[in-house]
Amino acid sequence: MKIERINKGSWGKIRAFFDIRTEEGFVVKGFKIIEGINGLFVGFPSQKGQDDEYYDTVFAEKELKDELSQLAINEYGNEVLPPQEINNQQSGFTENSNTQNNIASDSIESVEPFSEDDIPF
């Protein structure tokens, strides 16, 4: 299974649309990467019913759903980040994190003790 096409953007909570191609040659269109309260997840193709609710039109076992979600979110992340940032994230080191750690440790050492004159009321 591989990502056939990915169209990034911002449509409300939807961050991308994509299609997949199975090993057998089937192309399934209409998958979505959605920004939820717990992060990104994959929404399966759906169709609006007469009651204005959306119903999935493609179903898969949990293992296949998990594999597809991981594949799609990785592909989405690779296209969102520039190549240099991807390499830094894989090694676990970024220039900004090192600089921020130095700034944070410097500011902790220079904090003056709290006094009652600091209370505004």
PDB file of N, CA and C in Angstrom:
ATOM      1  N   MET A   1       0.855  -1.164   0.000  1.00  0.00           N
ATOM      2  CA  MET A   1       0.000   0.000   0.000  1.00  0.00           C
ATOM      3  C   MET A   1       0.908   1.237   0.000  1.00  0.00           C
ATOM      4  N   LYS A   2       0.544   2.244  -0.826  1.00  0.00           N
ATOM      5  CA  LYS A   2       1.325   3.470  -0.848  1.00  0.00           C
ATOM      6  C   LYS A   2       0.405   4.651  -1.133  1.00  0.00           C
ATOM      7  N   ILE A   3       0.875   5.832  -0.753  1.00  0.00           N
ATOM      8  CA  ILE A   3       0.124   7.058  -0.998  1.00  0.00           C
ATOM      9  C   ILE A   3       0.247   7.393  -2.480  1.00  0.00           C
ATOM     10  N   GLU A   4      -0.879   7.506  -3.149  1.00  0.00           N
ATOM     11  CA  GLU A   4      -0.905   7.791  -4.581  1.00  0.00           C
ATOM     12  C   GLU A   4      -0.804   9.291  -4.839  1.00  0.00           C
ATOM     13  N   ARG A   5      -1.540  10.082  -4.090  1.00  0.00           N
ATOM     14  CA  ARG A   5      -1.604  11.530  -4.273  1.00  0.00           C
ATOM     15  C   ARG A   5      -1.929  12.144  -2.918  1.00  0.00           C
ATOM     16  N   ILE A   6      -1.308  13.286  -2.599  1.00  0.00           N
ATOM     17  CA  ILE A   6      -1.641  13.999  -1.361  1.00  0.00           C
ATOM     18  C   ILE A   6      -1.791  15.476  -1.701  1.00  0.00           C
ATOM     19  N   ASN A   7      -2.879  16.065  -1.226  1.00  0.00           N
ATOM     20  CA  ASN A   7      -3.195  17.465  -1.482  1.00  0.00           C
ATOM     21  C   ASN A   7      -3.297  18.168  -0.134  1.00  0.00           C
ATOM     22  N   LYS A   8      -2.252  18.925   0.216  1.00  0.00           N
ATOM     23  CA  LYS A   8      -2.229  19.598   1.509  1.00  0.00           C
ATOM     24  C   LYS A   8      -2.965  20.922   1.441  1.00  0.00           C
ATOM     25  N   GLY A   9      -3.467  21.363   2.583  1.00  0.00           N
ATOM     26  CA  GLY A   9      -4.154  22.639   2.669  1.00  0.00           C
ATOM     27  C   GLY A   9      -4.781  22.774   4.041  1.00  0.00           C
ATOM     28  N   SER A  10      -5.728  23.671   4.145  1.00  0.00           N
ATOM     29  CA  SER A  10      -6.441  23.864   5.405  1.00  0.00           C
ATOM     30  C   SER A  10      -7.899  24.156   5.084  1.00  0.00           C
ATOM     31  N   TRP A  11      -8.736  23.166   5.307  1.00  0.00           N
ATOM     32  CA  TRP A  11     -10.170  23.269   5.076  1.00  0.00           C
ATOM     33  C   TRP A  11     -10.846  22.966   6.401  1.00  0.00           C
ATOM     34  N   GLY A  12     -10.985  23.957   7.251  1.00  0.00           N
ATOM     35  CA  GLY A  12     -11.509  23.719   8.592  1.00  0.00           C
ATOM     36  C   GLY A  12     -10.509  22.876   9.369  1.00  0.00           C
ATOM     37  N   LYS A  13     -10.921  21.703   9.818  1.00  0.00           N
ATOM     38  CA  LYS A  13     -10.020  20.809  10.552  1.00  0.00           C
ATOM     39  C   LYS A  13      -9.261  19.854   9.625  1.00  0.00           C
ATOM     40  N   ILE A  14      -9.613  19.818   8.360  1.00  0.00           N
ATOM     41  CA  ILE A  14      -8.951  18.926   7.402  1.00  0.00           C
ATOM     42  C   ILE A  14      -7.639  19.554   6.960  1.00  0.00           C
ATOM     43  N   ARG A  15      -6.549  18.781   7.049  1.00  0.00           N
ATOM     44  CA  ARG A  15      -5.217  19.268   6.692  1.00  0.00           C
ATOM     45  C   ARG A  15      -4.735  18.728   5.352  1.00  0.00           C
ATOM     46  N   ALA A  16      -5.287  17.600   4.895  1.00  0.00           N
ATOM     47  CA  ALA A  16      -4.877  17.039   3.607  1.00  0.00           C
ATOM     48  C   ALA A  16      -5.899  16.013   3.144  1.00  0.00           C
ATOM     49  N   PHE A  17      -5.957  15.838   1.827  1.00  0.00           N
ATOM     50  CA  PHE A  17      -6.703  14.752   1.201  1.00  0.00           C
ATOM     51  C   PHE A  17      -5.676  13.858   0.533  1.00  0.00           C
ATOM     52  N   PHE A  18      -5.921  12.560   0.517  1.00  0.00           N
ATOM     53  CA  PHE A  18      -4.993  11.671  -0.175  1.00  0.00           C
ATOM     54  C   PHE A  18      -5.712  10.435  -0.690  1.00  0.00           C
ATOM     55  N   ASP A  19      -5.059   9.784  -1.651  1.00  0.00           N
ATOM     56  CA  ASP A  19      -5.540   8.527  -2.218  1.00  0.00           C
ATOM     57  C   ASP A  19      -4.491   7.467  -1.942  1.00  0.00           C
ATOM     58  N   ILE A  20      -4.908   6.209  -1.883  1.00  0.00           N
ATOM     59  CA  ILE A  20      -3.944   5.118  -1.707  1.00  0.00           C
ATOM     60  C   ILE A  20      -4.052   4.141  -2.869  1.00  0.00           C
ATOM     61  N   ARG A  21      -2.950   3.470  -3.142  1.00  0.00           N
ATOM     62  CA  ARG A  21      -2.918   2.388  -4.130  1.00  0.00           C
ATOM     63  C   ARG A  21      -2.527   1.123  -3.379  1.00  0.00           C
ATOM     64  N   THR A  22      -3.358   0.087  -3.495  1.00  0.00           N
ATOM     65  CA  THR A  22      -3.067  -1.180  -2.837  1.00  0.00           C
ATOM     66  C   THR A  22      -2.075  -1.988  -3.675  1.00  0.00           C
ATOM     67  N   GLU A  23      -1.540  -3.025  -3.071  1.00  0.00           N
ATOM     68  CA  GLU A  23      -0.603  -3.904  -3.779  1.00  0.00           C
ATOM     69  C   GLU A  23      -1.278  -4.603  -4.955  1.00  0.00           C
ATOM     70  N   GLU A  24      -2.596  -4.770  -4.871  1.00  0.00           N
ATOM     71  CA  GLU A  24      -3.350  -5.415  -5.950  1.00  0.00           C
ATOM     72  C   GLU A  24      -3.659  -4.461  -7.096  1.00  0.00           C
ATOM     73  N   GLY A  25      -3.391  -3.153  -6.910  1.00  0.00           N
ATOM     74  CA  GLY A  25      -3.625  -2.186  -7.974  1.00  0.00           C
ATOM     75  C   GLY A  25      -4.874  -1.341  -7.805  1.00  0.00           C
ATOM     76  N   PHE A  26      -5.628  -1.544  -6.736  1.00  0.00           N
ATOM     77  CA  PHE A  26      -6.813  -0.725  -6.498  1.00  0.00           C
ATOM     78  C   PHE A  26      -6.390   0.655  -6.006  1.00  0.00           C
ATOM     79  N   VAL A  27      -7.067   1.700  -6.486  1.00  0.00           N
ATOM     80  CA  VAL A  27      -6.860   3.054  -5.982  1.00  0.00           C
ATOM     81  C   VAL A  27      -8.128   3.447  -5.232  1.00  0.00           C
ATOM     82  N   VAL A  28      -7.959   3.832  -3.968  1.00  0.00           N
ATOM     83  CA  VAL A  28      -9.081   4.264  -3.144  1.00  0.00           C
ATOM     84  C   VAL A  28      -8.899   5.750  -2.885  1.00  0.00           C
ATOM     85  N   LYS A  29      -9.875   6.540  -3.291  1.00  0.00           N
ATOM     86  CA  LYS A  29      -9.792   7.998  -3.200  1.00  0.00           C
ATOM     87  C   LYS A  29     -10.634   8.512  -2.046  1.00  0.00           C
ATOM     88  N   GLY A  30     -10.221   9.671  -1.503  1.00  0.00           N
ATOM     89  CA  GLY A  30     -11.070  10.365  -0.542  1.00  0.00           C
ATOM     90  C   GLY A  30     -10.662  10.247   0.911  1.00  0.00           C
ATOM     91  N   PHE A  31      -9.453   9.783   1.211  1.00  0.00           N
ATOM     92  CA  PHE A  31      -8.996   9.755   2.598  1.00  0.00           C
ATOM     93  C   PHE A  31      -8.640  11.172   3.023  1.00  0.00           C
ATOM     94  N   LYS A  32      -8.736  11.446   4.320  1.00  0.00           N
ATOM     95  CA  LYS A  32      -8.463  12.780   4.847  1.00  0.00           C
ATOM     96  C   LYS A  32      -7.527  12.682   6.047  1.00  0.00           C
ATOM     97  N   ILE A  33      -6.639  13.660   6.184  1.00  0.00           N
ATOM     98  CA  ILE A  33      -5.872  13.826   7.425  1.00  0.00           C
ATOM     99  C   ILE A  33      -6.540  14.980   8.155  1.00  0.00           C
ATOM    100  N   ILE A  34      -6.975  14.699   9.388  1.00  0.00           N
ATOM    101  CA  ILE A  34      -7.774  15.656  10.152  1.00  0.00           C
ATOM    102  C   ILE A  34      -7.044  16.024  11.435  1.00  0.00           C
ATOM    103  N   GLU A  35      -7.100  17.310  11.782  1.00  0.00           N
ATOM    104  CA  GLU A  35      -6.515  17.812  13.030  1.00  0.00           C
ATOM    105  C   GLU A  35      -7.578  17.706  14.113  1.00  0.00           C
ATOM    106  N   GLY A  36      -7.397  16.755  15.041  1.00  0.00           N
ATOM    107  CA  GLY A  36      -8.329  16.585  16.144  1.00  0.00           C
ATOM    108  C   GLY A  36      -7.747  17.143  17.425  1.00  0.00           C
ATOM    109  N   ILE A  37      -8.466  17.007  18.523  1.00  0.00           N
ATOM    110  CA  ILE A  37      -7.980  17.537  19.800  1.00  0.00           C
ATOM    111  C   ILE A  37      -6.775  16.758  20.319  1.00  0.00           C
ATOM    112  N   ASN A  38      -6.600  15.518  19.870  1.00  0.00           N
ATOM    113  CA  ASN A  38      -5.450  14.704  20.285  1.00  0.00           C
ATOM    114  C   ASN A  38      -4.390  14.605  19.197  1.00  0.00           C
ATOM    115  N   GLY A  39      -4.432  15.463  18.189  1.00  0.00           N
ATOM    116  CA  GLY A  39      -3.447  15.422  17.116  1.00  0.00           C
ATOM    117  C   GLY A  39      -4.071  14.989  15.800  1.00  0.00           C
ATOM    118  N   LEU A  40      -3.200  14.628  14.864  1.00  0.00           N
ATOM    119  CA  LEU A  40      -3.654  14.235  13.527  1.00  0.00           C
ATOM    120  C   LEU A  40      -4.201  12.806  13.526  1.00  0.00           C
ATOM    121  N   PHE A  41      -5.230  12.574  12.704  1.00  0.00           N
ATOM    122  CA  PHE A  41      -5.729  11.223  12.482  1.00  0.00           C
ATOM    123  C   PHE A  41      -6.255  11.129  11.064  1.00  0.00           C
ATOM    124  N   VAL A  42      -6.453   9.908  10.601  1.00  0.00           N
ATOM    125  CA  VAL A  42      -6.914   9.668   9.232  1.00  0.00           C
ATOM    126  C   VAL A  42      -8.409   9.383   9.245  1.00  0.00           C
ATOM    127  N   GLY A  43      -9.134  10.123   8.399  1.00  0.00           N
ATOM    128  CA  GLY A  43     -10.555   9.893   8.201  1.00  0.00           C
ATOM    129  C   GLY A  43     -10.749   9.126   6.903  1.00  0.00           C
ATOM    130  N   PHE A  44     -11.583   8.133   6.936  1.00  0.00           N
ATOM    131  CA  PHE A  44     -11.831   7.317   5.755  1.00  0.00           C
ATOM    132  C   PHE A  44     -12.826   8.024   4.834  1.00  0.00           C
ATOM    133  N   PRO A  45     -12.852   7.629   3.556  1.00  0.00           N
ATOM    134  CA  PRO A  45     -13.808   8.229   2.629  1.00  0.00           C
ATOM    135  C   PRO A  45     -15.233   8.071   3.166  1.00  0.00           C
ATOM    136  N   SER A  46     -16.020   9.123   2.996  1.00  0.00           N
ATOM    137  CA  SER A  46     -17.379   9.088   3.528  1.00  0.00           C
ATOM    138  C   SER A  46     -18.330   9.778   2.560  1.00  0.00           C
ATOM    139  N   GLN A  47     -19.615   9.581   2.831  1.00  0.00           N
ATOM    140  CA  GLN A  47     -20.654  10.163   1.995  1.00  0.00           C
ATOM    141  C   GLN A  47     -21.742  10.692   2.916  1.00  0.00           C
ATOM    142  N   LYS A  48     -22.323  11.828   2.539  1.00  0.00           N
ATOM    143  CA  LYS A  48     -23.366  12.439   3.348  1.00  0.00           C
ATOM    144  C   LYS A  48     -24.686  11.709   3.135  1.00  0.00           C
ATOM    145  N   GLY A  49     -25.326  11.342   4.244  1.00  0.00           N
ATOM    146  CA  GLY A  49     -26.611  10.660   4.171  1.00  0.00           C
ATOM    147  C   GLY A  49     -27.766  11.648   4.103  1.00  0.00           C
ATOM    148  N   GLN A  50     -28.976  11.123   3.971  1.00  0.00           N
ATOM    149  CA  GLN A  50     -30.163  11.975   3.889  1.00  0.00           C
ATOM    150  C   GLN A  50     -30.416  12.747   5.177  1.00  0.00           C
ATOM    151  N   ASP A  51     -29.857  12.251   6.276  1.00  0.00           N
ATOM    152  CA  ASP A  51     -30.022  12.928   7.566  1.00  0.00           C
ATOM    153  C   ASP A  51     -28.903  13.936   7.843  1.00  0.00           C
ATOM    154  N   ASP A  52     -28.119  14.282   6.813  1.00  0.00           N
ATOM    155  CA  ASP A  52     -27.006  15.236   6.886  1.00  0.00           C
ATOM    156  C   ASP A  52     -25.841  14.751   7.749  1.00  0.00           C
ATOM    157  N   GLU A  53     -25.822  13.484   8.086  1.00  0.00           N
ATOM    158  CA  GLU A  53     -24.675  12.877   8.775  1.00  0.00           C
ATOM    159  C   GLU A  53     -23.773  12.237   7.728  1.00  0.00           C
ATOM    160  N   TYR A  54     -22.465  12.130   8.053  1.00  0.00           N
ATOM    161  CA  TYR A  54     -21.512  11.499   7.137  1.00  0.00           C
ATOM    162  C   TYR A  54     -21.277  10.053   7.552  1.00  0.00           C
ATOM    163  N   TYR A  55     -21.257   9.153   6.570  1.00  0.00           N
ATOM    164  CA  TYR A  55     -21.068   7.736   6.813  1.00  0.00           C
ATOM    165  C   TYR A  55     -19.882   7.234   5.990  1.00  0.00           C
ATOM    166  N   ASP A  56     -19.000   6.447   6.635  1.00  0.00           N
ATOM    167  CA  ASP A  56     -17.844   5.880   5.933  1.00  0.00           C
ATOM    168  C   ASP A  56     -18.305   4.986   4.793  1.00  0.00           C
ATOM    169  N   THR A  57     -17.581   5.055   3.677  1.00  0.00           N
ATOM    170  CA  THR A  57     -17.892   4.199   2.539  1.00  0.00           C
ATOM    171  C   THR A  57     -16.837   3.119   2.342  1.00  0.00           C
ATOM    172  N   VAL A  58     -15.736   3.211   3.088  1.00  0.00           N
ATOM    173  CA  VAL A  58     -14.657   2.218   3.033  1.00  0.00           C
ATOM    174  C   VAL A  58     -14.386   1.759   4.454  1.00  0.00           C
ATOM    175  N   PHE A  59     -14.234   0.458   4.629  1.00  0.00           N
ATOM    176  CA  PHE A  59     -13.996  -0.111   5.956  1.00  0.00           C
ATOM    177  C   PHE A  59     -12.734  -0.955   5.925  1.00  0.00           C
ATOM    178  N   ALA A  60     -12.034  -1.033   7.071  1.00  0.00           N
ATOM    179  CA  ALA A  60     -10.810  -1.827   7.157  1.00  0.00           C
ATOM    180  C   ALA A  60     -10.642  -2.344   8.578  1.00  0.00           C
ATOM    181  N   GLU A  61      -9.895  -3.438   8.704  1.00  0.00           N
ATOM    182  CA  GLU A  61      -9.560  -3.994  10.017  1.00  0.00           C
ATOM    183  C   GLU A  61      -8.669  -3.010  10.772  1.00  0.00           C
ATOM    184  N   LYS A  62      -8.636  -3.128  12.088  1.00  0.00           N
ATOM    185  CA  LYS A  62      -7.873  -2.206  12.936  1.00  0.00           C
ATOM    186  C   LYS A  62      -6.390  -2.157  12.551  1.00  0.00           C
ATOM    187  N   GLU A  63      -5.784  -3.313  12.291  1.00  0.00           N
ATOM    188  CA  GLU A  63      -4.355  -3.356  11.950  1.00  0.00           C
ATOM    189  C   GLU A  63      -4.079  -2.575  10.668  1.00  0.00           C
ATOM    190  N   LEU A  64      -4.953  -2.736   9.678  1.00  0.00           N
ATOM    191  CA  LEU A  64      -4.792  -2.029   8.415  1.00  0.00           C
ATOM    192  C   LEU A  64      -5.029  -0.525   8.595  1.00  0.00           C
ATOM    193  N   LYS A  65      -6.004  -0.161   9.427  1.00  0.00           N
ATOM    194  CA  LYS A  65      -6.252   1.254   9.717  1.00  0.00           C
ATOM    195  C   LYS A  65      -5.026   1.890  10.367  1.00  0.00           C
ATOM    196  N   ASP A  66      -4.440   1.191  11.336  1.00  0.00           N
ATOM    197  CA  ASP A  66      -3.255   1.708  12.029  1.00  0.00           C
ATOM    198  C   ASP A  66      -2.080   1.880  11.070  1.00  0.00           C
ATOM    199  N   GLU A  67      -1.880   0.890  10.189  1.00  0.00           N
ATOM    200  CA  GLU A  67      -0.795   0.963   9.208  1.00  0.00           C
ATOM    201  C   GLU A  67      -1.017   2.138   8.258  1.00  0.00           C
ATOM    202  N   LEU A  68      -2.243   2.304   7.795  1.00  0.00           N
ATOM    203  CA  LEU A  68      -2.572   3.404   6.891  1.00  0.00           C
ATOM    204  C   LEU A  68      -2.398   4.753   7.577  1.00  0.00           C
ATOM    205  N   SER A  69      -2.830   4.864   8.809  1.00  0.00           N
ATOM    206  CA  SER A  69      -2.683   6.115   9.550  1.00  0.00           C
ATOM    207  C   SER A  69      -1.216   6.486   9.704  1.00  0.00           C
ATOM    208  N   GLN A  70      -0.397   5.525  10.092  1.00  0.00           N
ATOM    209  CA  GLN A  70       1.037   5.783  10.272  1.00  0.00           C
ATOM    210  C   GLN A  70       1.680   6.201   8.946  1.00  0.00           C
ATOM    211  N   LEU A  71       1.364   5.510   7.873  1.00  0.00           N
ATOM    212  CA  LEU A  71       1.904   5.817   6.553  1.00  0.00           C
ATOM    213  C   LEU A  71       1.506   7.225   6.111  1.00  0.00           C
ATOM    214  N   ALA A  72       0.236   7.575   6.265  1.00  0.00           N
ATOM    215  CA  ALA A  72      -0.268   8.872   5.813  1.00  0.00           C
ATOM    216  C   ALA A  72       0.299  10.020   6.639  1.00  0.00           C
ATOM    217  N   ILE A  73       0.347   9.871   7.945  1.00  0.00           N
ATOM    218  CA  ILE A  73       0.848  10.954   8.796  1.00  0.00           C
ATOM    219  C   ILE A  73       2.346  11.146   8.581  1.00  0.00           C
ATOM    220  N   ASN A  74       3.082  10.059   8.375  1.00  0.00           N
ATOM    221  CA  ASN A  74       4.509  10.189   8.060  1.00  0.00           C
ATOM    222  C   ASN A  74       4.704  10.907   6.732  1.00  0.00           C
ATOM    223  N   GLU A  75       3.921  10.536   5.733  1.00  0.00           N
ATOM    224  CA  GLU A  75       4.022  11.182   4.417  1.00  0.00           C
ATOM    225  C   GLU A  75       3.652  12.663   4.514  1.00  0.00           C
ATOM    226  N   TYR A  76       2.619  12.981   5.260  1.00  0.00           N
ATOM    227  CA  TYR A  76       2.194  14.362   5.449  1.00  0.00           C
ATOM    228  C   TYR A  76       3.290  15.160   6.149  1.00  0.00           C
ATOM    229  N   GLY A  77       3.889  14.579   7.181  1.00  0.00           N
ATOM    230  CA  GLY A  77       4.969  15.252   7.911  1.00  0.00           C
ATOM    231  C   GLY A  77       6.194  15.467   7.060  1.00  0.00           C
ATOM    232  N   ASN A  78       6.540  14.507   6.210  1.00  0.00           N
ATOM    233  CA  ASN A  78       7.713  14.643   5.342  1.00  0.00           C
ATOM    234  C   ASN A  78       7.516  15.760   4.334  1.00  0.00           C
ATOM    235  N   GLU A  79       6.298  15.971   3.890  1.00  0.00           N
ATOM    236  CA  GLU A  79       6.055  17.026   2.908  1.00  0.00           C
ATOM    237  C   GLU A  79       5.915  18.382   3.570  1.00  0.00           C
ATOM    238  N   VAL A  80       5.575  18.418   4.856  1.00  0.00           N
ATOM    239  CA  VAL A  80       5.385  19.687   5.549  1.00  0.00           C
ATOM    240  C   VAL A  80       6.727  20.270   5.976  1.00  0.00           C
ATOM    241  N   LEU A  81       7.630  19.435   6.489  1.00  0.00           N
ATOM    242  CA  LEU A  81       8.907  19.914   7.001  1.00  0.00           C
ATOM    243  C   LEU A  81       9.959  19.996   5.904  1.00  0.00           C
ATOM    244  N   PRO A  82      10.787  21.051   5.916  1.00  0.00           N
ATOM    245  CA  PRO A  82      11.913  21.101   4.977  1.00  0.00           C
ATOM    246  C   PRO A  82      12.894  19.971   5.284  1.00  0.00           C
ATOM    247  N   PRO A  83      13.679  19.509   4.296  1.00  0.00           N
ATOM    248  CA  PRO A  83      14.578  18.374   4.494  1.00  0.00           C
ATOM    249  C   PRO A  83      15.547  18.550   5.667  1.00  0.00           C
ATOM    250  N   GLN A  84      16.070  19.750   5.898  1.00  0.00           N
ATOM    251  CA  GLN A  84      17.018  19.950   6.985  1.00  0.00           C
ATOM    252  C   GLN A  84      16.371  19.680   8.336  1.00  0.00           C
ATOM    253  N   GLU A  85      15.136  20.153   8.544  1.00  0.00           N
ATOM    254  CA  GLU A  85      14.453  19.941   9.806  1.00  0.00           C
ATOM    255  C   GLU A  85      14.122  18.472  10.017  1.00  0.00           C
ATOM    256  N   ILE A  86      13.816  17.754   8.953  1.00  0.00           N
ATOM    257  CA  ILE A  86      13.525  16.324   9.071  1.00  0.00           C
ATOM    258  C   ILE A  86      14.766  15.599   9.567  1.00  0.00           C
ATOM    259  N   ASN A  87      15.939  15.894   8.998  1.00  0.00           N
ATOM    260  CA  ASN A  87      17.180  15.250   9.427  1.00  0.00           C
ATOM    261  C   ASN A  87      17.492  15.577  10.874  1.00  0.00           C
ATOM    262  N   ASN A  88      17.276  16.812  11.299  1.00  0.00           N
ATOM    263  CA  ASN A  88      17.530  17.190  12.683  1.00  0.00           C
ATOM    264  C   ASN A  88      16.587  16.472  13.631  1.00  0.00           C
ATOM    265  N   GLN A  89      15.318  16.327  13.247  1.00  0.00           N
ATOM    266  CA  GLN A  89      14.370  15.635  14.116  1.00  0.00           C
ATOM    267  C   GLN A  89      14.706  14.160  14.243  1.00  0.00           C
ATOM    268  N   GLN A  90      15.180  13.551  13.160  1.00  0.00           N
ATOM    269  CA  GLN A  90      15.513  12.135  13.221  1.00  0.00           C
ATOM    270  C   GLN A  90      16.705  11.893  14.136  1.00  0.00           C
ATOM    271  N   SER A  91      17.654  12.846  14.177  1.00  0.00           N
ATOM    272  CA  SER A  91      18.809  12.677  15.041  1.00  0.00           C
ATOM    273  C   SER A  91      18.504  13.099  16.466  1.00  0.00           C
ATOM    274  N   GLY A  92      17.340  13.745  16.678  1.00  0.00           N
ATOM    275  CA  GLY A  92      16.951  14.142  18.015  1.00  0.00           C
ATOM    276  C   GLY A  92      17.575  15.461  18.442  1.00  0.00           C
ATOM    277  N   PHE A  93      18.129  16.242  17.525  1.00  0.00           N
ATOM    278  CA  PHE A  93      18.800  17.477  17.865  1.00  0.00           C
ATOM    279  C   PHE A  93      18.388  18.566  16.903  1.00  0.00           C
ATOM    280  N   THR A  94      18.038  19.738  17.442  1.00  0.00           N
ATOM    281  CA  THR A  94      17.810  20.912  16.615  1.00  0.00           C
ATOM    282  C   THR A  94      18.586  22.065  17.205  1.00  0.00           C
ATOM    283  N   GLU A  95      19.000  22.989  16.346  1.00  0.00           N
ATOM    284  CA  GLU A  95      19.748  24.141  16.817  1.00  0.00           C
ATOM    285  C   GLU A  95      18.907  24.962  17.787  1.00  0.00           C
ATOM    286  N   ASN A  96      17.638  25.141  17.500  1.00  0.00           N
ATOM    287  CA  ASN A  96      16.774  25.948  18.341  1.00  0.00           C
ATOM    288  C   ASN A  96      16.634  25.368  19.734  1.00  0.00           C
ATOM    289  N   SER A  97      16.518  24.050  19.854  1.00  0.00           N
ATOM    290  CA  SER A  97      16.348  23.453  21.172  1.00  0.00           C
ATOM    291  C   SER A  97      17.594  23.654  22.014  1.00  0.00           C
ATOM    292  N   ASN A  98      18.776  23.568  21.402  1.00  0.00           N
ATOM    293  CA  ASN A  98      20.011  23.780  22.136  1.00  0.00           C
ATOM    294  C   ASN A  98      20.102  25.238  22.584  1.00  0.00           C
ATOM    295  N   THR A  99      19.769  26.182  21.724  1.00  0.00           N
ATOM    296  CA  THR A  99      19.804  27.599  22.057  1.00  0.00           C
ATOM    297  C   THR A  99      18.794  27.903  23.151  1.00  0.00           C
ATOM    298  N   GLN A 100      17.594  27.340  23.043  1.00  0.00           N
ATOM    299  CA  GLN A 100      16.570  27.586  24.047  1.00  0.00           C
ATOM    300  C   GLN A 100      16.994  27.036  25.403  1.00  0.00           C
ATOM    301  N   ASN A 101      17.654  25.884  25.436  1.00  0.00           N
ATOM    302  CA  ASN A 101      18.113  25.325  26.701  1.00  0.00           C
ATOM    303  C   ASN A 101      19.134  26.242  27.354  1.00  0.00           C
ATOM    304  N   ASN A 102      20.062  26.810  26.569  1.00  0.00           N
ATOM    305  CA  ASN A 102      21.046  27.729  27.117  1.00  0.00           C
ATOM    306  C   ASN A 102      20.395  28.992  27.650  1.00  0.00           C
ATOM    307  N   ILE A 103      19.422  29.537  26.910  1.00  0.00           N
ATOM    308  CA  ILE A 103      18.725  30.743  27.354  1.00  0.00           C
ATOM    309  C   ILE A 103      17.967  30.458  28.640  1.00  0.00           C
ATOM    310  N   ALA A 104      17.282  29.328  28.701  1.00  0.00           N
ATOM    311  CA  ALA A 104      16.500  28.978  29.883  1.00  0.00           C
ATOM    312  C   ALA A 104      17.397  28.821  31.100  1.00  0.00           C
ATOM    313  N   SER A 105      18.547  28.181  30.967  1.00  0.00           N
ATOM    314  CA  SER A 105      19.422  27.986  32.116  1.00  0.00           C
ATOM    315  C   SER A 105      20.034  29.310  32.552  1.00  0.00           C
ATOM    316  N   ASP A 106      20.327  30.229  31.606  1.00  0.00           N
ATOM    317  CA  ASP A 106      20.861  31.534  31.962  1.00  0.00           C
ATOM    318  C   ASP A 106      19.823  32.348  32.714  1.00  0.00           C
ATOM    319  N   SER A 107      18.565  32.302  32.268  1.00  0.00           N
ATOM    320  CA  SER A 107      17.538  33.110  32.911  1.00  0.00           C
ATOM    321  C   SER A 107      17.180  32.565  34.289  1.00  0.00           C
ATOM    322  N   ILE A 108      17.309  31.285  34.525  1.00  0.00           N
ATOM    323  CA  ILE A 108      17.031  30.718  35.836  1.00  0.00           C
ATOM    324  C   ILE A 108      18.052  31.215  36.851  1.00  0.00           C
ATOM    325  N   GLU A 109      19.304  31.285  36.459  1.00  0.00           N
ATOM    326  CA  GLU A 109      20.358  31.725  37.363  1.00  0.00           C
ATOM    327  C   GLU A 109      20.232  33.200  37.693  1.00  0.00           C
ATOM    328  N   SER A 110      19.649  34.021  36.793  1.00  0.00           N
ATOM    329  CA  SER A 110      19.604  35.465  37.005  1.00  0.00           C
ATOM    330  C   SER A 110      18.290  35.936  37.631  1.00  0.00           C
ATOM    331  N   VAL A 111      17.426  35.054  38.071  1.00  0.00           N
ATOM    332  CA  VAL A 111      16.154  35.437  38.676  1.00  0.00           C
ATOM    333  C   VAL A 111      16.413  35.952  40.081  1.00  0.00           C
ATOM    334  N   GLU A 112      15.848  37.156  40.363  1.00  0.00           N
ATOM    335  CA  GLU A 112      16.008  37.742  41.686  1.00  0.00           C
ATOM    336  C   GLU A 112      14.975  37.145  42.630  1.00  0.00           C
ATOM    337  N   PRO A 113      15.278  37.099  43.928  1.00  0.00           N
ATOM    338  CA  PRO A 113      14.308  36.539  44.882  1.00  0.00           C
ATOM    339  C   PRO A 113      13.064  37.394  44.971  1.00  0.00           C
ATOM    340  N   PHE A 114      11.938  36.774  45.321  1.00  0.00           N
ATOM    341  CA  PHE A 114      10.644  37.410  45.436  1.00  0.00           C
ATOM    342  C   PHE A 114      10.575  38.199  46.753  1.00  0.00           C
ATOM    343  N   SER A 115       9.989  39.401  46.687  1.00  0.00           N
ATOM    344  CA  SER A 115       9.804  40.185  47.921  1.00  0.00           C
ATOM    345  C   SER A 115       8.370  40.662  47.989  1.00  0.00           C
ATOM    346  N   GLU A 116       7.945  41.155  49.133  1.00  0.00           N
ATOM    347  CA  GLU A 116       6.569  41.618  49.313  1.00  0.00           C
ATOM    348  C   GLU A 116       6.288  42.886  48.520  1.00  0.00           C
ATOM    349  N   ASP A 117       7.331  43.639  48.147  1.00  0.00           N
ATOM    350  CA  ASP A 117       7.148  44.853  47.345  1.00  0.00           C
ATOM    351  C   ASP A 117       6.682  44.512  45.927  1.00  0.00           C
ATOM    352  N   ASP A 118       6.837  43.256  45.493  1.00  0.00           N
ATOM    353  CA  ASP A 118       6.435  42.837  44.157  1.00  0.00           C
ATOM    354  C   ASP A 118       4.940  42.605  44.026  1.00  0.00           C
ATOM    355  N   ILE A 119       4.209  42.548  45.137  1.00  0.00           N
ATOM    356  CA  ILE A 119       2.766  42.306  45.112  1.00  0.00           C
ATOM    357  C   ILE A 119       2.064  43.612  44.755  1.00  0.00           C
ATOM    358  N   PRO A 120       1.209  43.630  43.725  1.00  0.00           N
ATOM    359  CA  PRO A 120       0.607  44.881  43.259  1.00  0.00           C
ATOM    360  C   PRO A 120      -0.543  45.399  44.098  1.00  0.00           C
ATOM    361  N   PHE A 121      -0.993  44.712  45.138  1.00  0.00           N
ATOM    362  CA  PHE A 121      -2.129  45.195  45.916  1.00  0.00           C
ATOM    363  C   PHE A 121      -1.831  45.188  47.386  1.00  0.00           C
TER     364      PHE A 121
END
